[in-house]
C-alpha atoms as a PDB file:
ATOM      1  CA  MET A   1     -27.122  76.964  33.809  1.00  0.00           C
ATOM      2  CA  GLU A   2     -23.539  76.557  35.055  1.00  0.00           C
ATOM      3  CA  LYS A   3     -24.656  73.619  37.184  1.00  0.00           C
ATOM      4  CA  TYR A   4     -26.266  71.946  34.171  1.00  0.00           C
ATOM      5  CA  ARG A   5     -23.090  72.472  32.091  1.00  0.00           C
ATOM      6  CA  THR A   6     -20.964  70.930  34.839  1.00  0.00           C
ATOM      7  CA  GLN A   7     -23.234  67.888  35.149  1.00  0.00           C
ATOM      8  CA  ARG A   8     -23.150  67.435  31.371  1.00  0.00           C
ATOM      9  CA  ILE A   9     -19.364  67.538  31.298  1.00  0.00           C
ATOM     10  CA  ILE A  10     -19.174  65.043  34.167  1.00  0.00           C
ATOM     11  CA  GLY A  11     -21.610  62.762  32.352  1.00  0.00           C
ATOM     12  CA  MET A  12     -19.590  62.927  29.147  1.00  0.00           C
ATOM     13  CA  LYS A  13     -16.396  62.124  31.064  1.00  0.00           C
ATOM     14  CA  SER A  14     -18.093  59.163  32.719  1.00  0.00           C
ATOM     15  CA  ARG A  15     -19.267  57.803  29.380  1.00  0.00           C
ATOM     16  CA  ILE A  16     -15.809  58.254  27.875  1.00  0.00           C
ATOM     17  CA  THR A  17     -14.186  56.556  30.886  1.00  0.00           C
ATOM     18  CA  PHE A  18     -16.687  53.685  30.696  1.00  0.00           C
ATOM     19  CA  GLY A  19     -16.137  53.342  26.952  1.00  0.00           C
ATOM     20  CA  LEU A  20     -12.361  53.238  27.360  1.00  0.00           C
ATOM     21  CA  ALA A  21     -12.758  50.602  30.063  1.00  0.00           C
ATOM     22  CA  LEU A  22     -14.844  48.469  27.723  1.00  0.00           C
ATOM     23  CA  ILE A  23     -12.290  48.825  24.949  1.00  0.00           C
ATOM     24  CA  PHE A  24      -9.475  47.880  27.340  1.00  0.00           C
ATOM     25  CA  LEU A  25     -11.434  44.887  28.621  1.00  0.00           C
ATOM     26  CA  ALA A  26     -12.266  43.702  25.115  1.00  0.00           C
ATOM     27  CA  THR A  27      -8.651  44.106  24.011  1.00  0.00           C
ATOM     28  CA  SER A  28      -7.395  42.232  27.071  1.00  0.00           C
ATOM     29  CA  CYS A  29      -9.868  39.399  26.469  1.00  0.00           C
ATOM     30  CA  ASN A  30      -8.868  39.161  22.820  1.00  0.00           C
ATOM     31  CA  GLU A  31      -5.189  39.037  23.787  1.00  0.00           C
ATOM     32  CA  VAL A  32      -5.852  36.250  26.280  1.00  0.00           C
ATOM     33  CA  LYS A  33      -7.966  34.421  23.702  1.00  0.00           C
ATOM     34  CA  GLU A  34      -5.238  34.775  21.092  1.00  0.00           C
ATOM     35  CA  GLN A  35      -2.610  33.558  23.548  1.00  0.00           C
ATOM     36  CA  LYS A  36      -4.706  30.533  24.401  1.00  0.00           C
ATOM     37  CA  ALA A  37      -5.535  29.786  20.754  1.00  0.00           C
ATOM     38  CA  ASP A  38      -2.002  30.225  19.455  1.00  0.00           C
ATOM     39  CA  PRO A  39      -0.678  26.724  20.321  1.00  0.00           C
ATOM     40  CA  ALA A  40      -3.648  25.074  18.623  1.00  0.00           C
ATOM     41  CA  GLU A  41      -3.350  27.320  15.600  1.00  0.00           C
ATOM     42  CA  LYS A  42       0.360  26.657  15.415  1.00  0.00           C
ATOM     43  CA  ALA A  43      -0.200  22.893  15.639  1.00  0.00           C
ATOM     44  CA  SER A  44      -2.677  23.042  12.777  1.00  0.00           C
ATOM     45  CA  GLU A  45      -0.363  24.835  10.359  1.00  0.00           C
ATOM     46  CA  TRP A  46       0.656  23.000   7.204  1.00  0.00           C
ATOM     47  CA  MET A  47       4.315  23.082   6.212  1.00  0.00           C
ATOM     48  CA  THR A  48       5.041  22.785   2.496  1.00  0.00           C
ATOM     49  CA  LEU A  49       7.776  20.283   1.634  1.00  0.00           C
ATOM     50  CA  PHE A  50       7.419  20.731  -2.131  1.00  0.00           C
ATOM     51  CA  ASP A  51       5.416  23.420  -3.926  1.00  0.00           C
ATOM     52  CA  GLY A  52       6.561  22.911  -7.498  1.00  0.00           C
ATOM     53  CA  SER A  53       9.176  25.650  -7.525  1.00  0.00           C
ATOM     54  CA  SER A  54      12.065  24.446  -5.376  1.00  0.00           C
ATOM     55  CA  MET A  55      13.770  21.251  -4.210  1.00  0.00           C
ATOM     56  CA  GLU A  56      15.211  23.063  -1.195  1.00  0.00           C
ATOM     57  CA  GLY A  57      15.597  20.683   1.735  1.00  0.00           C
ATOM     58  CA  TRP A  58      15.646  17.535  -0.401  1.00  0.00           C
ATOM     59  CA  ARG A  59      18.782  15.435  -0.805  1.00  0.00           C
ATOM     60  CA  ALA A  60      19.968  11.857  -1.123  1.00  0.00           C
ATOM     61  CA  TYR A  61      19.710   9.518   1.834  1.00  0.00           C
ATOM     62  CA  ASN A  62      23.166   9.602   3.473  1.00  0.00           C
ATOM     63  CA  GLY A  63      24.097  12.314   0.972  1.00  0.00           C
ATOM     64  CA  GLU A  64      24.496  16.071   0.674  1.00  0.00           C
ATOM     65  CA  SER A  65      22.789  16.719  -2.669  1.00  0.00           C
ATOM     66  CA  LEU A  66      20.113  15.256  -4.917  1.00  0.00           C
ATOM     67  CA  PRO A  67      20.971  11.979  -6.659  1.00  0.00           C
ATOM     68  CA  PRO A  68      21.198  11.953 -10.453  1.00  0.00           C
ATOM     69  CA  GLY A  69      17.837  11.690 -12.187  1.00  0.00           C
ATOM     70  CA  TRP A  70      15.834  13.882  -9.795  1.00  0.00           C
ATOM     71  CA  ALA A  71      14.659  17.344 -10.906  1.00  0.00           C
ATOM     72  CA  ILE A  72      11.647  19.635 -11.231  1.00  0.00           C
ATOM     73  CA  VAL A  73       9.879  19.222 -14.582  1.00  0.00           C
ATOM     74  CA  ASP A  74       6.782  21.325 -15.299  1.00  0.00           C
ATOM     75  CA  SER A  75       6.411  22.116 -11.564  1.00  0.00           C
ATOM     76  CA  VAL A  76       6.479  18.391 -10.682  1.00  0.00           C
ATOM     77  CA  MET A  77       9.164  16.603  -8.639  1.00  0.00           C
ATOM     78  CA  THR A  78      10.348  14.046 -11.169  1.00  0.00           C
ATOM     79  CA  PHE A  79      12.685  11.083 -11.354  1.00  0.00           C
ATOM     80  CA  SER A  80      13.681   9.715 -14.738  1.00  0.00           C
ATOM     81  CA  THR A  81      16.642   7.627 -15.847  1.00  0.00           C
ATOM     82  CA  GLU A  82      16.649   9.741 -19.015  1.00  0.00           C
ATOM     83  CA  MET A  83      17.813  12.696 -16.900  1.00  0.00           C
ATOM     84  CA  ILE A  84      20.895  10.849 -15.647  1.00  0.00           C
ATOM     85  CA  LEU A  85      23.942  12.298 -17.383  1.00  0.00           C
ATOM     86  CA  GLU A  86      26.820  10.168 -18.645  1.00  0.00           C
ATOM     87  CA  GLN A  87      29.184  11.545 -16.021  1.00  0.00           C
ATOM     88  CA  ASP A  88      26.794  10.275 -13.333  1.00  0.00           C
ATOM     89  CA  TYR A  89      26.649   6.656 -14.519  1.00  0.00           C
ATOM     90  CA  ASP A  90      29.107   5.624 -11.813  1.00  0.00           C
ATOM     91  CA  TYR A  91      27.133   7.250  -8.984  1.00  0.00           C
ATOM     92  CA  LYS A  92      27.299   4.906  -5.968  1.00  0.00           C
ATOM     93  CA  GLY A  93      25.122   6.709  -3.442  1.00  0.00           C
ATOM     94  CA  SER A  94      21.483   6.152  -2.578  1.00  0.00           C
ATOM     95  CA  ARG A  95      18.922   7.183  -5.183  1.00  0.00           C
ATOM     96  CA  ASP A  96      16.229   7.451  -2.509  1.00  0.00           C
ATOM     97  CA  ILE A  97      15.689  11.016  -1.327  1.00  0.00           C
ATOM     98  CA  ILE A  98      14.749  12.576   2.003  1.00  0.00           C
ATOM     99  CA  TYR A  99      13.498  15.942   3.163  1.00  0.00           C
ATOM    100  CA  GLY A 100      16.567  16.564   5.286  1.00  0.00           C
ATOM    101  CA  ALA A 101      15.771  20.030   6.635  1.00  0.00           C
ATOM    102  CA  LYS A 102      13.643  18.808   9.552  1.00  0.00           C
ATOM    103  CA  GLU A 103      12.731  15.636  11.423  1.00  0.00           C
ATOM    104  CA  PHE A 104       9.111  14.844  12.267  1.00  0.00           C
ATOM    105  CA  GLU A 105       7.580  12.853  15.115  1.00  0.00           C
ATOM    106  CA  ASN A 106       3.752  12.930  15.083  1.00  0.00           C
ATOM    107  CA  PHE A 107       2.286  14.275  11.856  1.00  0.00           C
ATOM    108  CA  GLU A 108      -0.205  14.245   9.026  1.00  0.00           C
ATOM    109  CA  LEU A 109       1.533  13.967   5.643  1.00  0.00           C
ATOM    110  CA  TYR A 110      -0.209  14.606   2.320  1.00  0.00           C
ATOM    111  CA  ILE A 111       1.319  13.868  -1.078  1.00  0.00           C
ATOM    112  CA  GLU A 112       0.126  13.497  -4.662  1.00  0.00           C
ATOM    113  CA  TRP A 113       1.933  10.988  -6.849  1.00  0.00           C
ATOM    114  CA  LYS A 114       1.950   9.249 -10.207  1.00  0.00           C
ATOM    115  CA  ILE A 115       3.844   6.189 -11.469  1.00  0.00           C
ATOM    116  CA  PRO A 116       4.098   4.526 -14.885  1.00  0.00           C
ATOM    117  CA  ALA A 117       2.891   1.059 -15.829  1.00  0.00           C
ATOM    118  CA  GLY A 118       4.997  -1.398 -13.839  1.00  0.00           C
ATOM    119  CA  GLY A 119       6.136   1.398 -11.526  1.00  0.00           C
ATOM    120  CA  ASN A 120       7.135   1.055  -7.886  1.00  0.00           C
ATOM    121  CA  SER A 121       7.981   3.548  -5.152  1.00  0.00           C
ATOM    122  CA  GLY A 122       7.196   4.311  -1.530  1.00  0.00           C
ATOM    123  CA  ILE A 123       6.840   6.984   1.127  1.00  0.00           C
ATOM    124  CA  PHE A 124       9.055   6.584   4.214  1.00  0.00           C
ATOM    125  CA  TYR A 125       8.925   8.265   7.604  1.00  0.00           C
ATOM    126  CA  HIS A 126      10.959   8.252  10.845  1.00  0.00           C
ATOM    127  CA  ILE A 127      14.083   7.801   8.745  1.00  0.00           C
ATOM    128  CA  ALA A 128      17.450   7.620  10.481  1.00  0.00           C
ATOM    129  CA  GLU A 129      20.613   7.960   8.425  1.00  0.00           C
ATOM    130  CA  GLY A 130      23.758   5.856   8.603  1.00  0.00           C
ATOM    131  CA  TYR A 131      22.216   2.585   7.404  1.00  0.00           C
ATOM    132  CA  GLY A 132      22.762   0.726   4.143  1.00  0.00           C
ATOM    133  CA  GLY A 133      19.323   1.778   2.939  1.00  0.00           C
ATOM    134  CA  ILE A 134      16.135   3.410   4.160  1.00  0.00           C
ATOM    135  CA  PRO A 135      14.038   0.180   4.225  1.00  0.00           C
ATOM    136  CA  GLU A 136      16.296  -1.233   6.939  1.00  0.00           C
ATOM    137  CA  VAL A 137      14.999   1.284   9.412  1.00  0.00           C
ATOM    138  CA  ALA A 138      11.903   3.185   8.227  1.00  0.00           C
ATOM    139  CA  PRO A 139       8.260   2.138   7.749  1.00  0.00           C
ATOM    140  CA  GLU A 140       6.971   2.492   4.187  1.00  0.00           C
ATOM    141  CA  TYR A 141       3.638   3.460   2.670  1.00  0.00           C
ATOM    142  CA  GLN A 142       3.786   1.390  -0.521  1.00  0.00           C
ATOM    143  CA  LEU A 143       3.221   2.929  -3.974  1.00  0.00           C
ATOM    144  CA  ILE A 144       3.019   0.448  -6.858  1.00  0.00           C
ATOM    145  CA  ASP A 145       1.140  -0.460 -10.029  1.00  0.00           C
ATOM    146  CA  ASP A 146      -1.192  -3.006  -8.399  1.00  0.00           C
ATOM    147  CA  LEU A 147      -2.668  -4.272 -11.662  1.00  0.00           C
ATOM    148  CA  GLY A 148       0.308  -4.268 -13.990  1.00  0.00           C
ATOM    149  CA  TYR A 149       3.455  -4.649 -11.912  1.00  0.00           C
ATOM    150  CA  THR A 150       3.927  -8.372 -12.595  1.00  0.00           C
ATOM    151  CA  ASP A 151       3.462  -7.808 -16.341  1.00  0.00           C
ATOM    152  CA  PHE A 152       6.861  -6.115 -16.223  1.00  0.00           C
ATOM    153  CA  HIS A 153       8.587  -7.869 -13.295  1.00  0.00           C
ATOM    154  CA  ASP A 154       8.899 -11.529 -12.347  1.00  0.00           C
ATOM    155  CA  ILE A 155       8.706 -11.564  -8.546  1.00  0.00           C
ATOM    156  CA  THR A 156       8.339 -15.328  -8.103  1.00  0.00           C
ATOM    157  CA  GLU A 157      11.805 -16.026  -6.759  1.00  0.00           C
ATOM    158  CA  TYR A 158      11.800 -12.951  -4.559  1.00  0.00           C
ATOM    159  CA  ASN A 159       8.489 -13.931  -2.969  1.00  0.00           C
ATOM    160  CA  LYS A 160       9.703 -17.476  -2.398  1.00  0.00           C
ATOM    161  CA  SER A 161      12.829 -16.096  -0.728  1.00  0.00           C
ATOM    162  CA  ILE A 162      10.678 -14.325   1.891  1.00  0.00           C
ATOM    163  CA  GLY A 163       8.537 -17.409   2.535  1.00  0.00           C
ATOM    164  CA  ILE A 164       5.589 -16.882   0.172  1.00  0.00           C
ATOM    165  CA  GLU A 165       4.637 -20.252  -1.328  1.00  0.00           C
ATOM    166  CA  VAL A 166       1.032 -19.643  -2.429  1.00  0.00           C
ATOM    167  CA  ASN A 167       0.910 -17.857  -5.794  1.00  0.00           C
ATOM    168  CA  PRO A 168       4.400 -16.390  -5.413  1.00  0.00           C
ATOM    169  CA  GLN A 169       4.160 -15.017  -8.949  1.00  0.00           C
ATOM    170  CA  ASP A 170       1.491 -12.545  -7.840  1.00  0.00           C
ATOM    171  CA  LEU A 171       1.793  -9.211  -6.097  1.00  0.00           C
ATOM    172  CA  GLN A 172       0.836  -9.884  -2.486  1.00  0.00           C
ATOM    173  CA  PRO A 173      -1.570  -7.750  -0.401  1.00  0.00           C
ATOM    174  CA  LEU A 174       1.323  -6.708   1.863  1.00  0.00           C
ATOM    175  CA  GLN A 175       3.098  -5.418  -1.257  1.00  0.00           C
ATOM    176  CA  SER A 176       0.153  -3.483  -2.708  1.00  0.00           C
ATOM    177  CA  THR A 177      -0.485   0.254  -2.823  1.00  0.00           C
ATOM    178  CA  ALA A 178      -1.276   1.845   0.570  1.00  0.00           C
ATOM    179  CA  ALA A 179       0.089  -1.155   2.481  1.00  0.00           C
ATOM    180  CA  ASP A 180       2.335  -0.571   5.458  1.00  0.00           C
ATOM    181  CA  TYR A 181       4.870  -2.511   3.420  1.00  0.00           C
ATOM    182  CA  ALA A 182       5.342  -6.093   4.638  1.00  0.00           C
ATOM    183  CA  MET A 183       3.463  -5.264   7.857  1.00  0.00           C
ATOM    184  CA  HIS A 184      -0.206  -4.279   7.410  1.00  0.00           C
ATOM    185  CA  VAL A 185      -2.631  -4.938   4.537  1.00  0.00           C
ATOM    186  CA  PRO A 186      -4.920  -2.224   3.098  1.00  0.00           C
ATOM    187  CA  ASP A 187      -8.645  -2.906   2.763  1.00  0.00           C
ATOM    188  CA  ALA A 188      -8.949  -3.906  -0.902  1.00  0.00           C
ATOM    189  CA  SER A 189     -12.744  -3.563  -0.832  1.00  0.00           C
ATOM    190  CA  LYS A 190     -12.406   0.193  -0.191  1.00  0.00           C
ATOM    191  CA  LYS A 191      -9.420   0.863  -2.433  1.00  0.00           C
ATOM    192  CA  GLN A 192      -9.996   3.430  -5.173  1.00  0.00           C
ATOM    193  CA  LEU A 193      -6.655   3.390  -6.965  1.00  0.00           C
ATOM    194  CA  ASN A 194      -6.341   5.358 -10.172  1.00  0.00           C
ATOM    195  CA  PRO A 195      -4.432   3.382 -12.825  1.00  0.00           C
ATOM    196  CA  ALA A 196      -0.781   3.831 -13.711  1.00  0.00           C
ATOM    197  CA  GLY A 197      -0.172   7.153 -15.412  1.00  0.00           C
ATOM    198  CA  GLU A 198      -2.863   8.984 -13.422  1.00  0.00           C
ATOM    199  CA  TRP A 199      -2.533  11.045 -10.249  1.00  0.00           C
ATOM    200  CA  ASN A 200      -3.370   9.634  -6.832  1.00  0.00           C
ATOM    201  CA  SER A 201      -3.149  11.170  -3.369  1.00  0.00           C
ATOM    202  CA  SER A 202      -1.917   9.555  -0.172  1.00  0.00           C
ATOM    203  CA  THR A 203      -2.159  10.643   3.449  1.00  0.00           C
ATOM    204  CA  ILE A 204      -0.309   9.209   6.431  1.00  0.00           C
ATOM    205  CA  VAL A 205      -1.419  10.168   9.928  1.00  0.00           C
ATOM    206  CA  PHE A 206       1.034   9.107  12.629  1.00  0.00           C
ATOM    207  CA  THR A 207       0.515   9.265  16.395  1.00  0.00           C
ATOM    208  CA  PRO A 208       1.683   6.817  19.083  1.00  0.00           C
ATOM    209  CA  GLU A 209      -1.949   5.783  19.529  1.00  0.00           C
ATOM    210  CA  LYS A 210      -2.732   5.040  15.880  1.00  0.00           C
ATOM    211  CA  VAL A 211      -1.281   5.149  12.372  1.00  0.00           C
ATOM    212  CA  GLU A 212      -3.669   5.660   9.447  1.00  0.00           C
ATOM    213  CA  HIS A 213      -3.124   5.186   5.704  1.00  0.00           C
ATOM    214  CA  TYR A 214      -5.478   6.982   3.295  1.00  0.00           C
ATOM    215  CA  LEU A 215      -5.617   6.630  -0.479  1.00  0.00           C
ATOM    216  CA  ASN A 216      -7.515   9.273  -2.453  1.00  0.00           C
ATOM    217  CA  GLY A 217      -9.199  10.379   0.756  1.00  0.00           C
ATOM    218  CA  VAL A 218     -10.363   6.911   1.862  1.00  0.00           C
ATOM    219  CA  LEU A 219      -9.010   5.236   5.021  1.00  0.00           C
ATOM    220  CA  LEU A 220      -7.628   1.812   4.052  1.00  0.00           C
ATOM    221  CA  LEU A 221      -5.799   0.675   7.170  1.00  0.00           C
ATOM    222  CA  ASP A 222      -4.842   1.629  10.700  1.00  0.00           C
ATOM    223  CA  PHE A 223      -2.648   0.067  13.349  1.00  0.00           C
ATOM    224  CA  VAL A 224      -1.063   0.813  16.701  1.00  0.00           C
ATOM    225  CA  PRO A 225       2.708   1.298  16.387  1.00  0.00           C
ATOM    226  CA  TRP A 226       4.993  -0.639  18.743  1.00  0.00           C
ATOM    227  CA  SER A 227       2.050  -2.650  20.118  1.00  0.00           C
ATOM    228  CA  GLU A 228       2.317  -6.395  20.812  1.00  0.00           C
ATOM    229  CA  GLU A 229       0.665  -7.090  17.453  1.00  0.00           C
ATOM    230  CA  TRP A 230       3.097  -4.744  15.718  1.00  0.00           C
ATOM    231  CA  GLN A 231       6.070  -6.386  17.430  1.00  0.00           C
ATOM    232  CA  ALA A 232       4.855  -9.855  16.390  1.00  0.00           C
ATOM    233  CA  LYS A 233       4.546  -8.802  12.740  1.00  0.00           C
ATOM    234  CA  ARG A 234       7.934  -7.152  12.845  1.00  0.00           C
ATOM    235  CA  ASN A 235       9.722 -10.093  14.482  1.00  0.00           C
ATOM    236  CA  ASN A 236       8.165 -12.840  12.358  1.00  0.00           C
ATOM    237  CA  GLY A 237       8.091 -11.280   8.905  1.00  0.00           C
ATOM    238  CA  LYS A 238      10.375  -9.589   6.413  1.00  0.00           C
ATOM    239  CA  TRP A 239      11.941  -7.309   9.025  1.00  0.00           C
ATOM    240  CA  LYS A 240      13.064  -9.966  11.510  1.00  0.00           C
ATOM    241  CA  LEU A 241      16.625  -9.595  10.219  1.00  0.00           C
ATOM    242  CA  ALA A 242      16.502  -5.786  10.372  1.00  0.00           C
ATOM    243  CA  PRO A 243      16.931  -5.126  14.117  1.00  0.00           C
ATOM    244  CA  ASP A 244      16.385  -1.368  13.901  1.00  0.00           C
ATOM    245  CA  TYR A 245      13.337  -1.425  11.630  1.00  0.00           C
ATOM    246  CA  GLY A 246      10.625   0.898  12.954  1.00  0.00           C
ATOM    247  CA  LYS A 247      12.313   1.620  16.268  1.00  0.00           C
ATOM    248  CA  PHE A 248      12.780   5.362  15.807  1.00  0.00           C
ATOM    249  CA  LYS A 249       9.977   7.640  16.950  1.00  0.00           C
ATOM    250  CA  LYS A 250      11.227  10.681  15.065  1.00  0.00           C
ATOM    251  CA  GLY A 251      13.004  11.116  11.749  1.00  0.00           C
ATOM    252  CA  PHE A 252      13.010  12.337   8.172  1.00  0.00           C
ATOM    253  CA  ILE A 253      10.382  11.924   5.447  1.00  0.00           C
ATOM    254  CA  GLY A 254      11.617  10.146   2.294  1.00  0.00           C
ATOM    255  CA  LEU A 255      10.682   8.946  -1.186  1.00  0.00           C
ATOM    256  CA  GLN A 256      11.888   5.754  -2.820  1.00  0.00           C
ATOM    257  CA  ASP A 257      13.470   5.403  -6.234  1.00  0.00           C
ATOM    258  CA  HIS A 258      12.886   1.860  -7.449  1.00  0.00           C
ATOM    259  CA  GLY A 259      14.186   2.341 -10.979  1.00  0.00           C
ATOM    260  CA  SER A 260      10.985   3.531 -12.655  1.00  0.00           C
ATOM    261  CA  SER A 261       9.936   7.063 -13.532  1.00  0.00           C
ATOM    262  CA  LEU A 262       8.230   8.918 -10.675  1.00  0.00           C
ATOM    263  CA  TRP A 263       6.206  12.101 -10.254  1.00  0.00           C
ATOM    264  CA  PHE A 264       5.306  13.891  -7.012  1.00  0.00           C
ATOM    265  CA  ARG A 265       3.555  17.190  -6.273  1.00  0.00           C
ATOM    266  CA  ASN A 266       1.773  19.122  -3.501  1.00  0.00           C
ATOM    267  CA  ILE A 267       3.751  17.618  -0.626  1.00  0.00           C
ATOM    268  CA  LYS A 268       2.828  19.082   2.757  1.00  0.00           C
ATOM    269  CA  ILE A 269       2.939  18.059   6.400  1.00  0.00           C
ATOM    270  CA  LYS A 270       1.237  19.120   9.614  1.00  0.00           C
ATOM    271  CA  GLU A 271       2.792  18.358  12.984  1.00  0.00           C
ATOM    272  CA  LEU A 272       0.387  16.859  15.529  1.00  0.00           C
END
């Protein structure tokens, strides 16, 4: 009987020891798995740049605070000339704004936006400060009222000044929504642009191998930054007199004020 009790105790101890070993092994494996997965998980995290409750991180280009006319209205980042106070009429700084809390290199940026009839704006990236204006240095994802812009603005002389002689009165493909402004044309046959006054979404994916522009979830253009083709477009087009255009590989994200009312929401970015 004593022998049987001893064997039973030994057996129980063996099973407990074996069970603890399994638990230790499983825990160790999970820790290794988590350590290996962490960089990928971290890389896939979205960072919110605007959530409807705070303008923290946003300021004027070359400035320390928001320019007059920018504020949160009904949880939407809004620009309106009606919000510019009389004491701000003499403001001389840039009315374009940047997210100045962090610079980004390779990324996926998502933003929802709305403009009025005749409206015009843009999304900039790789912004460097110290220049006369953001367009001198940063690529732009164009936002504009494709159908109605020229009903409100005569662009004939401007287009002629940049060498456009065929139908200079019309908005050009390089100036249309989702264009890499003055560089790459979006595919008009795939464009699903909601009209002025309605919300649209835009996504920019930037890597050294390829840049992609999406509008409302549809890919409309892609190009290889700093390639021979890119250099040719840069050196023979609108930016030939802007020596630092597109040269920076890291910088701020920005939004353009072009004089019309603007609305932005759900701005987020994921580093790649």
